[in-house]
Amino acid sequence: MKYASLALNGVLTLAVAFLFYLFYSSKSVSNEVPANQTIAPQEKQIDTTSQEPVYISDPSASNVVIPQNAKIVFVNSEKMLENFSLYKKMMTDLESKKNRVESSLAKKAQDLQNEYMAIQPKLSSMSKEELQSTEQLFMGKQQELMKLRDDELKKMVDEEGKNTKRIFDEINTFMKSFCKQNNYDYVLGYTNGAGGILYANPEFDITSQVIVGLNKAGSK
C-alpha cells in the first residue's frame, strides 16, 4: 500500500509540474505584429540622378518602369506601430487576457494539488482498487486541466492572428487614401538596424503624419 501511495503521489506531482512547464514555456506566443513589416517592399535602389527611366526586372512583371520623378517617402515601421492607438489597445487587451488565463490555470492547478494533498491521510487505508480509482480520478482531472490550457492557448493564438490581420488591413486601407491625397508613388517601411533599407534621408520621413492620420481614421 505504501508503494502504491508513493507512486500515486509521484505521478500526480509530475503531472501538475508538467502542466506548469508547458504553459509557461509557451505563453509568449507570438504576441506582436512584426515591427519591421514593410508597407511597400523595396524592389531596387533608385538612382534619382539618372535622366533615364529605371527598369525593374521582376519574374511576375516585365518592363516595369519607375518614372525618374517618382515621389518616394518612407515610414519608420516600429515607431508607427508603437504610436498606433488601435495596435496599442489590442496588445494591452491581449496581455490582460493572457494574465487572466495564467492566473486561472495556476489556481486550478493549485486546487488540484490541494485536493490531492487532502486525501493523503486516507491513502494508507485504501485498498488496491480504491487507490487505482483515485489515481484515475486525479489523472482525469489533470488531463482536463491540460485540455483547458491548450484550448485557451489556441484562442489567444487565433485572436492574435485576427488582430494582426486587422492592423495591417487598417494600415493598408489608410495608406492607399493617404498616398493618393499626397501623390506618393512609393512608401517604404524603414526600421533602424533592420529591414532592407540601410539608409533613409530624414527629409523624406512621413512617420509623424502617418501616425496622426492612422489614429484620426481609427477614432471615427
Protein backbone atom coordinates (compact mmCIF):
# COMPACT_ATOMS: atom_id res chain seq x y z
CA MET A 1 0.00 0.00 0.00
CA LYS A 2 2.80 2.40 0.87
CA TYR A 3 4.45 1.76 -2.54
CA ALA A 4 1.17 2.45 -4.34
CA SER A 5 0.71 5.66 -2.37
CA LEU A 6 4.17 6.90 -3.29
CA ALA A 7 3.60 6.03 -6.94
CA LEU A 8 0.33 7.95 -7.00
CA ASN A 9 1.97 10.94 -5.33
CA GLY A 10 4.82 10.93 -7.86
CA VAL A 11 2.52 10.62 -10.87
CA LEU A 12 0.25 13.49 -9.83
CA THR A 13 3.07 15.80 -8.74
CA LEU A 14 4.89 15.29 -12.04
CA ALA A 15 1.67 15.79 -13.98
CA VAL A 16 0.96 19.15 -12.36
CA ALA A 17 4.60 20.23 -12.72
CA PHE A 18 4.50 19.25 -16.38
CA LEU A 19 1.37 21.37 -16.83
CA PHE A 20 3.11 24.44 -15.44
CA TYR A 21 6.19 23.79 -17.57
CA LEU A 22 4.12 23.54 -20.76
CA PHE A 23 2.08 26.62 -20.01
CA TYR A 24 4.86 28.98 -19.01
CA SER A 25 7.25 27.78 -21.71
CA SER A 26 4.77 28.66 -24.44
CA LYS A 27 2.91 31.63 -23.03
CA SER A 28 4.77 34.11 -25.27
CA VAL A 29 3.03 33.20 -28.50
CA SER A 30 3.77 35.48 -30.96
CA ASN A 31 2.34 38.47 -29.25
CA GLU A 32 3.29 41.35 -31.54
CA VAL A 33 2.90 42.49 -35.03
CA PRO A 34 6.45 42.38 -36.59
CA ALA A 35 7.93 45.83 -36.19
CA ASN A 36 9.97 45.58 -39.35
CA GLN A 37 6.99 44.67 -41.53
CA THR A 38 7.14 46.89 -44.57
CA ILE A 39 4.16 48.64 -46.09
CA ALA A 40 5.55 48.51 -49.57
CA PRO A 41 8.59 46.33 -50.40
CA GLN A 42 11.63 47.95 -51.94
CA GLU A 43 12.46 46.17 -55.16
CA LYS A 44 15.63 48.06 -56.09
CA GLN A 45 17.51 51.19 -55.09
CA ILE A 46 16.71 54.06 -57.43
CA ASP A 47 19.29 56.40 -58.89
CA THR A 48 17.35 59.66 -58.81
CA THR A 49 20.16 61.48 -60.58
CA SER A 50 19.65 59.48 -63.75
CA GLN A 51 17.75 61.07 -66.59
CA GLU A 52 16.67 57.68 -67.90
CA PRO A 53 13.68 55.66 -66.65
CA VAL A 54 14.56 52.89 -64.20
CA TYR A 55 13.52 49.38 -65.25
CA ILE A 56 12.88 46.67 -62.70
CA SER A 57 13.38 43.02 -63.52
CA ASP A 58 10.61 41.06 -61.86
CA PRO A 59 9.56 37.46 -62.59
CA SER A 60 5.91 38.44 -62.31
CA ALA A 61 6.11 41.57 -64.46
CA SER A 62 8.17 42.56 -67.46
CA ASN A 63 9.47 46.03 -68.25
CA VAL A 64 8.14 47.66 -65.07
CA VAL A 65 9.17 51.31 -65.23
CA ILE A 66 9.69 53.62 -62.26
CA PRO A 67 9.49 57.19 -63.55
CA GLN A 68 12.58 59.26 -62.94
CA ASN A 69 10.47 61.78 -60.97
CA ALA A 70 8.65 59.19 -58.82
CA LYS A 71 7.68 60.56 -55.40
CA ILE A 72 9.16 58.21 -52.78
CA VAL A 73 8.93 58.59 -49.00
CA PHE A 74 9.35 56.28 -46.02
CA VAL A 75 7.82 55.40 -42.67
CA ASN A 76 9.57 54.14 -39.56
CA SER A 77 7.52 50.96 -39.13
CA GLU A 78 8.46 50.39 -35.49
CA LYS A 79 7.65 53.94 -34.43
CA MET A 80 4.40 53.84 -36.38
CA LEU A 81 3.17 50.70 -34.60
CA GLU A 82 4.30 51.88 -31.17
CA ASN A 83 2.17 55.00 -31.59
CA PHE A 84 -0.80 53.46 -33.40
CA SER A 85 -3.65 53.63 -30.86
CA LEU A 86 -5.52 50.61 -32.22
CA TYR A 87 -2.38 48.47 -32.10
CA LYS A 88 -1.58 49.54 -28.54
CA LYS A 89 -5.12 48.82 -27.37
CA MET A 90 -5.12 45.36 -28.96
CA MET A 91 -1.79 44.49 -27.38
CA THR A 92 -2.92 45.75 -23.96
CA ASP A 93 -6.19 43.80 -24.15
CA LEU A 94 -4.42 40.62 -25.24
CA GLU A 95 -1.83 40.92 -22.47
CA SER A 96 -4.60 41.36 -19.90
CA LYS A 97 -6.37 38.29 -21.24
CA LYS A 98 -3.15 36.25 -21.06
CA ASN A 99 -2.64 37.30 -17.45
CA ARG A 100 -6.20 36.27 -16.57
CA VAL A 101 -5.74 32.88 -18.24
CA GLU A 102 -2.42 32.32 -16.49
CA SER A 103 -3.94 33.20 -13.13
CA SER A 104 -6.97 30.97 -13.70
CA LEU A 105 -4.90 27.96 -14.77
CA ALA A 106 -2.47 28.43 -11.90
CA LYS A 107 -5.38 28.48 -9.44
CA LYS A 108 -6.95 25.36 -10.94
CA ALA A 109 -3.61 23.54 -10.80
CA GLN A 110 -3.12 24.58 -7.19
CA ASP A 111 -6.68 23.49 -6.33
CA LEU A 112 -5.97 20.09 -7.86
CA GLN A 113 -2.77 19.77 -5.83
CA ASN A 114 -4.59 20.80 -2.65
CA GLU A 115 -7.36 18.30 -3.34
CA TYR A 116 -4.83 15.53 -3.66
CA MET A 117 -2.97 16.56 -0.52
CA ALA A 118 -6.25 16.50 1.38
CA ILE A 119 -6.72 12.78 0.71
CA GLN A 120 -3.15 11.85 1.69
CA PRO A 121 -4.12 10.67 5.19
CA LYS A 122 -6.68 8.29 3.64
CA LEU A 123 -4.35 6.61 1.14
CA SER A 124 -2.78 4.19 3.58
CA SER A 125 -6.17 2.68 4.41
CA MET A 126 -7.31 2.32 0.81
CA SER A 127 -7.50 -0.97 -1.00
CA LYS A 128 -5.59 -1.54 -4.22
CA GLU A 129 -8.78 -0.98 -6.21
CA GLU A 130 -9.53 2.27 -4.34
CA LEU A 131 -6.01 3.54 -4.98
CA GLN A 132 -6.31 2.76 -8.69
CA SER A 133 -9.68 4.51 -8.82
CA THR A 134 -8.27 7.56 -7.03
CA GLU A 135 -5.29 7.70 -9.35
CA GLN A 136 -7.54 7.53 -12.41
CA LEU A 137 -9.74 10.27 -10.95
CA PHE A 138 -6.85 12.66 -10.45
CA MET A 139 -5.23 11.84 -13.76
CA GLY A 140 -8.56 12.58 -15.46
CA LYS A 141 -8.76 15.95 -13.74
CA GLN A 142 -5.17 16.71 -14.72
CA GLN A 143 -5.94 15.84 -18.35
CA GLU A 144 -8.98 18.13 -18.27
CA LEU A 145 -6.76 20.91 -16.99
CA MET A 146 -4.27 20.28 -19.77
CA LYS A 147 -7.05 20.40 -22.36
CA LEU A 148 -8.32 23.65 -20.91
CA ARG A 149 -4.82 25.09 -21.12
CA ASP A 150 -4.49 24.03 -24.78
CA ASP A 151 -7.93 25.43 -25.65
CA GLU A 152 -7.13 28.79 -24.06
CA LEU A 153 -3.76 28.95 -25.78
CA LYS A 154 -5.40 28.25 -29.16
CA LYS A 155 -7.94 31.01 -28.54
CA MET A 156 -5.15 33.50 -27.89
CA VAL A 157 -3.22 32.42 -30.97
CA ASP A 158 -6.36 32.80 -33.09
CA GLU A 159 -7.07 36.22 -31.60
CA GLU A 160 -3.51 37.37 -32.28
CA GLY A 161 -3.87 36.29 -35.88
CA LYS A 162 -7.10 38.25 -36.28
CA ASN A 163 -5.53 41.28 -34.60
CA THR A 164 -2.52 41.17 -36.93
CA LYS A 165 -4.75 40.99 -39.98
CA ARG A 166 -6.93 43.85 -38.79
CA ILE A 167 -3.92 46.05 -38.01
CA PHE A 168 -2.43 45.69 -41.46
CA ASP A 169 -5.80 45.97 -43.16
CA GLU A 170 -6.26 49.28 -41.36
CA ILE A 171 -2.77 50.45 -42.33
CA ASN A 172 -3.12 49.40 -45.96
CA THR A 173 -6.55 51.00 -46.33
CA PHE A 174 -5.32 54.25 -44.82
CA MET A 175 -2.11 54.30 -46.87
CA LYS A 176 -3.97 53.93 -50.16
CA SER A 177 -6.04 57.01 -49.41
CA PHE A 178 -3.14 58.92 -47.83
CA CYS A 179 -0.81 58.30 -50.78
CA LYS A 180 -3.48 59.27 -53.27
CA GLN A 181 -4.10 62.56 -51.46
CA ASN A 182 -0.37 63.36 -51.30
CA ASN A 183 0.61 61.97 -54.71
CA TYR A 184 3.10 59.48 -53.24
CA ASP A 185 4.18 56.74 -55.62
CA TYR A 186 6.02 54.59 -53.05
CA VAL A 187 6.04 54.44 -49.25
CA LEU A 188 8.88 52.31 -47.91
CA GLY A 189 8.97 50.70 -44.48
CA TYR A 190 12.15 51.50 -42.54
CA THR A 191 13.35 50.31 -39.13
CA ASN A 192 16.65 51.25 -37.52
CA GLY A 193 19.09 48.37 -37.76
CA ALA A 194 16.67 46.07 -39.59
CA GLY A 195 14.99 45.61 -42.92
CA GLY A 196 16.32 46.08 -46.44
CA ILE A 197 16.86 49.86 -46.30
CA LEU A 198 20.31 50.73 -45.00
CA TYR A 199 19.84 54.49 -45.01
CA ALA A 200 16.89 56.87 -45.34
CA ASN A 201 17.12 60.65 -45.62
CA PRO A 202 15.05 62.14 -42.74
CA GLU A 203 13.75 64.72 -45.20
CA PHE A 204 11.50 62.01 -46.66
CA ASP A 205 10.30 60.63 -43.29
CA ILE A 206 6.49 60.93 -43.10
CA THR A 207 6.08 58.75 -39.97
CA SER A 208 4.54 61.51 -37.84
CA GLN A 209 1.96 62.39 -40.48
CA VAL A 210 1.03 58.73 -40.90
CA ILE A 211 0.64 58.22 -37.13
CA VAL A 212 -1.67 61.23 -36.86
CA GLY A 213 -3.70 60.09 -39.86
CA LEU A 214 -3.99 56.48 -38.67
CA ASN A 215 -5.17 57.47 -35.19
CA LYS A 216 -7.60 60.01 -36.63
CA ALA A 217 -9.03 57.42 -39.03
CA GLY A 218 -9.29 54.85 -36.24
CA SER A 219 -11.23 57.18 -33.99
CA LYS A 220 -14.06 57.57 -36.49
